[in-house]
């Protein structure tokens, strides 16, 4: 084998190993690549109870119920489906009904999402782009620029 053939075979073997590694990583992360699932996504994909995921949407109007201590129960909706969420802890100061929210936790066997983290918008003009896009897909987007996509309004990767 000539020196040129050895070099070509070594480069080829390296590329095959790199492609296999990338394939394995993408396969392992395929469900975790999505930033969050909307209530409709959870209903469609048949999420297993106990599976850890992120749920995003709008806090449904008149759904926030405060329990003992820091226990809170509220509904997250995308207007096509609704998921009830329970959370024990301090809610972000900007959490309120009708606003975008992303929660992290597990779906219980009873269909109630048990959140351990609640993330709310950071100012009055912001909604996570994924939440806005999910609402637009279902035809329920009613915010400013309803006729435009998030990237048309704000540009790629920038936020007001």
C-alpha atoms as a PDB file:
ATOM      1  CA  UNK A   1       0.000   0.000   0.000  1.00  0.00           C
ATOM      2  CA  UNK A   2       1.396   3.345  -0.982  1.00  0.00           C
ATOM      3  CA  UNK A   3       1.629   6.277   1.336  1.00  0.00           C
ATOM      4  CA  UNK A   4      -1.201   8.058  -0.513  1.00  0.00           C
ATOM      5  CA  UNK A   5      -3.493   5.006  -0.199  1.00  0.00           C
ATOM      6  CA  UNK A   6      -2.726   4.690   3.536  1.00  0.00           C
ATOM      7  CA  UNK A   7      -3.581   8.349   4.102  1.00  0.00           C
ATOM      8  CA  UNK A   8      -6.856   8.060   2.123  1.00  0.00           C
ATOM      9  CA  UNK A   9      -7.918   4.932   4.037  1.00  0.00           C
ATOM     10  CA  UNK A  10      -7.113   6.602   7.385  1.00  0.00           C
ATOM     11  CA  UNK A  11      -9.166   9.685   6.444  1.00  0.00           C
ATOM     12  CA  UNK A  12     -12.024   7.476   5.227  1.00  0.00           C
ATOM     13  CA  UNK A  13     -12.035   5.457   8.460  1.00  0.00           C
ATOM     14  CA  UNK A  14     -12.041   8.676  10.491  1.00  0.00           C
ATOM     15  CA  UNK A  15     -15.027  10.008   8.554  1.00  0.00           C
ATOM     16  CA  UNK A  16     -16.948   6.746   9.043  1.00  0.00           C
ATOM     17  CA  UNK A  17     -16.308   6.859  12.817  1.00  0.00           C
ATOM     18  CA  UNK A  18     -17.346  10.531  12.984  1.00  0.00           C
ATOM     19  CA  UNK A  19     -20.565   9.836  11.041  1.00  0.00           C
ATOM     20  CA  UNK A  20     -21.407   6.914  13.350  1.00  0.00           C
ATOM     21  CA  UNK A  21     -20.831   9.074  16.456  1.00  0.00           C
ATOM     22  CA  UNK A  22     -23.041  11.878  15.107  1.00  0.00           C
ATOM     23  CA  UNK A  23     -25.756   9.348  14.232  1.00  0.00           C
ATOM     24  CA  UNK A  24     -25.690   7.860  17.729  1.00  0.00           C
ATOM     25  CA  UNK A  25     -25.904  11.285  19.390  1.00  0.00           C
ATOM     26  CA  UNK A  26     -28.832  12.385  17.209  1.00  0.00           C
ATOM     27  CA  UNK A  27     -30.661   9.116  17.850  1.00  0.00           C
ATOM     28  CA  UNK A  28     -30.188   9.442  21.615  1.00  0.00           C
ATOM     29  CA  UNK A  29     -31.349  13.063  21.669  1.00  0.00           C
ATOM     30  CA  UNK A  30     -34.166  12.952  19.127  1.00  0.00           C
ATOM     31  CA  UNK A  31     -36.940  13.588  21.718  1.00  0.00           C
ATOM     32  CA  UNK A  32     -34.905  16.136  23.676  1.00  0.00           C
ATOM     33  CA  UNK A  33     -34.082  18.399  20.731  1.00  0.00           C
ATOM     34  CA  UNK A  34     -37.539  20.016  20.940  1.00  0.00           C
ATOM     35  CA  UNK A  35     -37.575  22.962  23.383  1.00  0.00           C
ATOM     36  CA  UNK A  36     -41.073  22.138  24.624  1.00  0.00           C
ATOM     37  CA  UNK A  37     -44.282  20.339  23.749  1.00  0.00           C
ATOM     38  CA  UNK A  38     -47.622  22.130  23.474  1.00  0.00           C
ATOM     39  CA  UNK A  39     -50.738  20.564  25.042  1.00  0.00           C
ATOM     40  CA  UNK A  40     -51.776  19.401  21.546  1.00  0.00           C
ATOM     41  CA  UNK A  41     -48.369  17.763  21.014  1.00  0.00           C
ATOM     42  CA  UNK A  42     -48.724  15.856  24.287  1.00  0.00           C
ATOM     43  CA  UNK A  43     -52.193  14.608  23.315  1.00  0.00           C
ATOM     44  CA  UNK A  44     -51.037  13.589  19.820  1.00  0.00           C
ATOM     45  CA  UNK A  45     -47.838  11.800  20.759  1.00  0.00           C
ATOM     46  CA  UNK A  46     -49.334   9.798  23.626  1.00  0.00           C
ATOM     47  CA  UNK A  47     -46.805  10.807  26.265  1.00  0.00           C
ATOM     48  CA  UNK A  48     -46.117   8.114  28.852  1.00  0.00           C
ATOM     49  CA  UNK A  49     -46.796   8.963  32.526  1.00  0.00           C
ATOM     50  CA  UNK A  50     -43.554   9.708  34.365  1.00  0.00           C
ATOM     51  CA  UNK A  51     -41.753  10.931  31.241  1.00  0.00           C
ATOM     52  CA  UNK A  52     -39.812  14.154  31.879  1.00  0.00           C
ATOM     53  CA  UNK A  53     -40.556  16.954  29.429  1.00  0.00           C
ATOM     54  CA  UNK A  54     -41.234  20.647  28.945  1.00  0.00           C
ATOM     55  CA  UNK A  55     -44.775  21.932  28.448  1.00  0.00           C
ATOM     56  CA  UNK A  56     -45.418  25.341  26.894  1.00  0.00           C
ATOM     57  CA  UNK A  57     -48.443  27.433  26.074  1.00  0.00           C
ATOM     58  CA  UNK A  58     -50.608  30.122  27.602  1.00  0.00           C
ATOM     59  CA  UNK A  59     -51.907  30.139  31.165  1.00  0.00           C
ATOM     60  CA  UNK A  60     -55.664  29.724  30.687  1.00  0.00           C
ATOM     61  CA  UNK A  61     -57.866  32.561  31.919  1.00  0.00           C
ATOM     62  CA  UNK A  62     -59.471  31.999  35.344  1.00  0.00           C
ATOM     63  CA  UNK A  63     -57.590  28.741  35.870  1.00  0.00           C
ATOM     64  CA  UNK A  64     -55.066  29.687  38.571  1.00  0.00           C
ATOM     65  CA  UNK A  65     -55.994  28.169  41.930  1.00  0.00           C
ATOM     66  CA  UNK A  66     -53.784  28.653  44.966  1.00  0.00           C
ATOM     67  CA  UNK A  67     -53.669  25.899  47.559  1.00  0.00           C
ATOM     68  CA  UNK A  68     -51.960  25.663  50.923  1.00  0.00           C
ATOM     69  CA  UNK A  69     -48.575  27.344  51.185  1.00  0.00           C
ATOM     70  CA  UNK A  70     -46.944  27.673  47.796  1.00  0.00           C
ATOM     71  CA  UNK A  71     -49.078  25.060  45.986  1.00  0.00           C
ATOM     72  CA  UNK A  72     -50.602  26.332  42.733  1.00  0.00           C
ATOM     73  CA  UNK A  73     -52.778  24.646  40.124  1.00  0.00           C
ATOM     74  CA  UNK A  74     -53.367  26.142  36.671  1.00  0.00           C
ATOM     75  CA  UNK A  75     -54.144  25.142  33.105  1.00  0.00           C
ATOM     76  CA  UNK A  76     -51.788  25.548  30.145  1.00  0.00           C
ATOM     77  CA  UNK A  77     -53.527  25.788  26.783  1.00  0.00           C
ATOM     78  CA  UNK A  78     -52.828  26.265  23.098  1.00  0.00           C
ATOM     79  CA  UNK A  79     -56.590  26.659  22.507  1.00  0.00           C
ATOM     80  CA  UNK A  80     -56.752  23.245  20.843  1.00  0.00           C
ATOM     81  CA  UNK A  81     -55.948  21.255  24.000  1.00  0.00           C
ATOM     82  CA  UNK A  82     -55.412  22.004  27.689  1.00  0.00           C
ATOM     83  CA  UNK A  83     -53.196  20.385  30.336  1.00  0.00           C
ATOM     84  CA  UNK A  84     -53.653  20.947  34.079  1.00  0.00           C
ATOM     85  CA  UNK A  85     -50.400  21.774  35.881  1.00  0.00           C
ATOM     86  CA  UNK A  86     -49.581  21.582  39.579  1.00  0.00           C
ATOM     87  CA  UNK A  87     -46.585  23.376  41.026  1.00  0.00           C
ATOM     88  CA  UNK A  88     -45.235  23.762  44.518  1.00  0.00           C
ATOM     89  CA  UNK A  89     -42.905  26.716  44.869  1.00  0.00           C
ATOM     90  CA  UNK A  90     -42.587  30.395  44.241  1.00  0.00           C
ATOM     91  CA  UNK A  91     -43.914  31.469  40.857  1.00  0.00           C
ATOM     92  CA  UNK A  92     -42.012  34.046  38.794  1.00  0.00           C
ATOM     93  CA  UNK A  93     -43.146  37.625  39.456  1.00  0.00           C
ATOM     94  CA  UNK A  94     -44.386  37.962  35.881  1.00  0.00           C
ATOM     95  CA  UNK A  95     -46.548  34.804  35.950  1.00  0.00           C
ATOM     96  CA  UNK A  96     -50.203  35.563  35.229  1.00  0.00           C
ATOM     97  CA  UNK A  97     -53.225  34.333  33.315  1.00  0.00           C
ATOM     98  CA  UNK A  98     -53.226  34.822  29.556  1.00  0.00           C
ATOM     99  CA  UNK A  99     -49.430  34.966  29.340  1.00  0.00           C
ATOM    100  CA  UNK A 100     -46.893  32.575  27.844  1.00  0.00           C
ATOM    101  CA  UNK A 101     -45.303  30.008  30.127  1.00  0.00           C
ATOM    102  CA  UNK A 102     -42.956  27.041  29.839  1.00  0.00           C
ATOM    103  CA  UNK A 103     -42.982  24.445  32.624  1.00  0.00           C
ATOM    104  CA  UNK A 104     -40.635  21.521  33.247  1.00  0.00           C
ATOM    105  CA  UNK A 105     -41.673  18.336  35.001  1.00  0.00           C
ATOM    106  CA  UNK A 106     -43.411  14.998  34.536  1.00  0.00           C
ATOM    107  CA  UNK A 107     -46.853  13.958  33.357  1.00  0.00           C
ATOM    108  CA  UNK A 108     -48.714  12.014  36.039  1.00  0.00           C
ATOM    109  CA  UNK A 109     -50.818   8.900  35.418  1.00  0.00           C
ATOM    110  CA  UNK A 110     -53.944  11.022  35.985  1.00  0.00           C
ATOM    111  CA  UNK A 111     -52.973  13.375  33.128  1.00  0.00           C
ATOM    112  CA  UNK A 112     -51.950  16.211  35.456  1.00  0.00           C
ATOM    113  CA  UNK A 113     -48.534  17.700  34.733  1.00  0.00           C
ATOM    114  CA  UNK A 114     -46.432  17.997  37.909  1.00  0.00           C
ATOM    115  CA  UNK A 115     -44.013  20.876  37.338  1.00  0.00           C
ATOM    116  CA  UNK A 116     -40.783  21.463  39.221  1.00  0.00           C
ATOM    117  CA  UNK A 117     -39.867  24.611  37.241  1.00  0.00           C
ATOM    118  CA  UNK A 118     -42.048  27.401  35.843  1.00  0.00           C
ATOM    119  CA  UNK A 119     -40.601  29.942  33.407  1.00  0.00           C
ATOM    120  CA  UNK A 120     -42.558  33.087  32.517  1.00  0.00           C
ATOM    121  CA  UNK A 121     -42.048  35.819  29.961  1.00  0.00           C
ATOM    122  CA  UNK A 122     -39.516  38.531  30.787  1.00  0.00           C
ATOM    123  CA  UNK A 123     -41.432  41.648  29.729  1.00  0.00           C
ATOM    124  CA  UNK A 124     -44.787  42.643  28.324  1.00  0.00           C
ATOM    125  CA  UNK A 125     -43.682  42.331  24.684  1.00  0.00           C
ATOM    126  CA  UNK A 126     -42.085  38.899  24.856  1.00  0.00           C
ATOM    127  CA  UNK A 127     -43.490  35.425  24.455  1.00  0.00           C
ATOM    128  CA  UNK A 128     -41.163  32.477  23.877  1.00  0.00           C
ATOM    129  CA  UNK A 129     -40.975  32.137  20.071  1.00  0.00           C
ATOM    130  CA  UNK A 130     -41.852  28.458  20.302  1.00  0.00           C
ATOM    131  CA  UNK A 131     -45.095  29.273  22.177  1.00  0.00           C
ATOM    132  CA  UNK A 132     -45.994  31.969  19.631  1.00  0.00           C
ATOM    133  CA  UNK A 133     -45.266  29.631  16.720  1.00  0.00           C
ATOM    134  CA  UNK A 134     -47.369  26.844  18.281  1.00  0.00           C
ATOM    135  CA  UNK A 135     -50.294  29.268  18.697  1.00  0.00           C
ATOM    136  CA  UNK A 136     -49.879  30.426  15.103  1.00  0.00           C
ATOM    137  CA  UNK A 137     -49.932  26.804  13.862  1.00  0.00           C
ATOM    138  CA  UNK A 138     -53.283  26.263  15.576  1.00  0.00           C
ATOM    139  CA  UNK A 139     -54.649  29.591  14.290  1.00  0.00           C
ATOM    140  CA  UNK A 140     -55.049  31.051  17.792  1.00  0.00           C
ATOM    141  CA  UNK A 141     -52.331  33.701  17.760  1.00  0.00           C
ATOM    142  CA  UNK A 142     -53.894  37.007  18.821  1.00  0.00           C
ATOM    143  CA  UNK A 143     -50.852  39.055  19.744  1.00  0.00           C
ATOM    144  CA  UNK A 144     -49.291  41.986  17.935  1.00  0.00           C
ATOM    145  CA  UNK A 145     -48.109  41.140  14.461  1.00  0.00           C
ATOM    146  CA  UNK A 146     -50.573  38.247  14.224  1.00  0.00           C
ATOM    147  CA  UNK A 147     -50.135  38.240  10.462  1.00  0.00           C
ATOM    148  CA  UNK A 148     -46.338  37.969  10.712  1.00  0.00           C
ATOM    149  CA  UNK A 149     -44.105  35.183  11.941  1.00  0.00           C
ATOM    150  CA  UNK A 150     -41.784  35.799  14.890  1.00  0.00           C
ATOM    151  CA  UNK A 151     -38.726  35.935  12.624  1.00  0.00           C
ATOM    152  CA  UNK A 152     -40.450  38.440  10.299  1.00  0.00           C
ATOM    153  CA  UNK A 153     -41.242  40.663  13.275  1.00  0.00           C
ATOM    154  CA  UNK A 154     -38.008  40.422  15.267  1.00  0.00           C
ATOM    155  CA  UNK A 155     -35.443  38.820  12.958  1.00  0.00           C
ATOM    156  CA  UNK A 156     -33.657  35.552  13.548  1.00  0.00           C
ATOM    157  CA  UNK A 157     -32.141  35.075  16.997  1.00  0.00           C
ATOM    158  CA  UNK A 158     -33.013  38.517  18.369  1.00  0.00           C
ATOM    159  CA  UNK A 159     -35.685  39.505  20.848  1.00  0.00           C
ATOM    160  CA  UNK A 160     -37.140  42.881  21.740  1.00  0.00           C
END
